[in-house]
Protein backbone atom coordinates (compact mmCIF):
# COMPACT_ATOMS: atom_id res chain seq x y z
CA MET A 1 -4.42 13.85 7.73
CA SER A 2 -7.97 13.67 6.45
CA LYS A 3 -10.11 10.66 5.61
CA GLY A 4 -9.53 9.38 2.11
CA SER A 5 -6.05 10.79 1.66
CA PHE A 6 -2.85 9.34 0.29
CA GLU A 7 0.52 9.35 2.02
CA LEU A 8 4.01 8.57 0.83
CA SER A 9 7.40 8.80 2.48
CA CYS A 10 9.55 11.44 0.78
CA ILE A 11 12.45 9.83 -1.05
CA SER A 12 14.75 12.70 -0.06
CA CYS A 13 13.96 13.45 3.60
CA LYS A 14 11.57 10.61 4.65
CA ASN A 15 8.93 13.15 5.72
CA ASN A 16 5.32 12.01 5.18
CA VAL A 17 3.85 13.67 2.09
CA CYS A 18 0.05 13.73 2.33
CA PHE A 19 -2.30 14.49 -0.55
CA THR A 20 -5.82 13.83 -1.75
CA PHE A 21 -7.16 12.72 -5.10
CA LYS A 22 -8.49 16.26 -5.54
CA ASP A 23 -4.90 17.56 -5.13
CA LEU A 24 -3.78 15.20 -7.89
CA SER A 25 -6.59 16.25 -10.19
CA GLU A 26 -6.00 19.98 -9.69
CA LEU A 27 -2.23 20.14 -9.34
CA GLY A 28 -0.74 17.03 -10.92
CA VAL A 29 2.40 17.72 -8.83
CA ILE A 30 2.72 17.12 -5.09
CA SER A 31 5.53 18.70 -3.05
CA CYS A 32 7.11 17.63 0.22
CA SER A 33 6.41 20.31 2.82
CA GLU A 34 9.76 19.61 4.50
CA CYS A 35 12.33 19.59 1.66
CA GLY A 36 10.29 20.73 -1.35
CA LYS A 37 10.88 17.56 -3.42
CA LYS A 38 8.26 17.39 -6.16
CA TYR A 39 6.36 14.28 -7.19
CA GLY A 40 4.64 14.29 -10.56
CA PHE A 41 1.31 12.54 -10.89
CA GLY A 42 0.40 14.14 -14.21
CA GLU A 43 0.15 10.88 -16.13
CA GLU A 44 -3.54 10.11 -16.66
CA ASN A 45 -3.06 6.35 -16.32
CA LEU A 46 -1.37 6.76 -12.92
CA ARG A 47 -4.12 9.07 -11.63
CA ARG A 48 -6.75 6.63 -12.89
CA GLN A 49 -5.05 3.74 -11.10
CA LEU A 50 -4.79 5.73 -7.85
CA LYS A 51 -8.48 6.62 -8.08
CA LYS A 52 -9.39 2.95 -8.63
CA PHE A 53 -7.21 1.96 -5.68
CA ALA A 54 -8.88 4.54 -3.41
CA THR A 55 -12.33 3.43 -4.57
CA LEU A 56 -11.45 -0.21 -3.88
CA CYS A 57 -10.24 0.60 -0.36
CA LEU A 58 -13.37 2.61 0.42
CA ASN A 59 -15.64 -0.12 -0.99
CA ILE A 60 -13.94 -2.75 1.16
CA GLN A 61 -14.49 -0.61 4.25
CA GLU A 62 -18.12 0.09 3.34
CA SER A 63 -18.70 -3.66 2.85
CA GLU A 64 -17.44 -4.52 6.34
CA GLU A 65 -20.95 -5.40 7.52
CA ILE A 66 -21.27 -8.06 4.84
CA LEU A 67 -17.64 -9.17 4.83
CA GLY A 68 -17.64 -9.44 8.63
CA ASN A 69 -19.91 -12.47 8.35
CA SER A 70 -17.91 -14.26 5.66
CA GLY A 71 -14.46 -15.75 5.31
CA VAL A 72 -11.76 -16.97 2.99
CA ALA A 73 -11.04 -20.70 2.90
CA LEU A 74 -7.53 -21.97 2.28
CA THR A 75 -6.97 -25.62 1.45
CA VAL A 76 -3.62 -27.02 2.51
CA GLY A 77 -3.35 -30.68 1.63
CA ALA A 78 -6.34 -32.45 3.16
CA ASP A 79 -7.03 -29.61 5.60
CA GLU A 80 -9.06 -26.47 5.09
CA VAL A 81 -8.62 -23.33 7.16
CA VAL A 82 -11.30 -20.64 7.11
CA ILE A 83 -10.08 -17.14 7.91
CA PRO A 84 -12.89 -14.74 8.79
CA PHE A 85 -12.88 -11.55 6.73
CA LYS A 86 -13.23 -9.67 10.02
CA ILE A 87 -9.65 -10.70 10.88
CA LEU A 88 -8.42 -9.89 7.37
CA LEU A 89 -10.00 -6.44 7.52
CA THR A 90 -8.13 -5.62 10.73
CA ARG A 91 -4.85 -6.57 9.02
CA LEU A 92 -5.59 -4.84 5.70
CA LYS A 93 -2.75 -2.61 4.55
CA SER A 94 -3.91 -0.18 1.94
CA THR A 95 -0.60 0.38 0.15
CA LEU A 96 0.36 0.56 -3.47
CA ASP A 97 3.96 0.17 -4.63
CA LEU A 98 5.13 2.65 -7.25
CA ASN A 99 8.41 3.40 -8.96
CA LEU A 100 9.14 7.13 -8.47
CA ASP A 101 12.38 8.62 -9.76
CA GLY A 102 13.78 5.11 -10.19
CA GLN A 103 13.13 4.24 -6.53
CA ARG A 104 10.45 2.01 -5.08
CA CYS A 105 7.90 3.99 -3.12
CA HIS A 106 4.90 2.90 -1.06
CA VAL A 107 1.77 5.02 -1.40
CA CYS A 108 -0.60 4.43 1.47
CA PHE A 109 -4.30 5.20 1.31
CA ARG A 110 -5.74 6.31 4.66
CA ILE A 111 -9.40 5.48 5.06
CA GLU A 112 -9.63 6.81 8.59
CA PRO A 113 -8.18 10.17 9.63
CA THR A 114 -4.97 10.02 11.64
CA ALA A 115 -3.65 12.43 14.25
CA LEU A 116 -0.82 14.66 13.08
């Protein structure tokens, strides 16, 4: 899988279906390579939201140098806990929940390439 690609688990066979934003723009339909199930991403609003999501994930990664020196403070009663962004970045799950064919589906955005 290449850097900056999306991945979802096929509703039919659970195979990983990988695609890029370019695939969505050119094809509008993504197919599972294992069972052939088709996923339509032709709706402009959905493609726009996926592009925004990918841009957000990439911007967070590119801001790691700045975010690595900052944190998020949580106030619980009289106490305050500061969680460094560096820890949050290591736990960041880049997933978006969608409803495809009436079933809940998680679309994951992969910033770093993964081994096949």
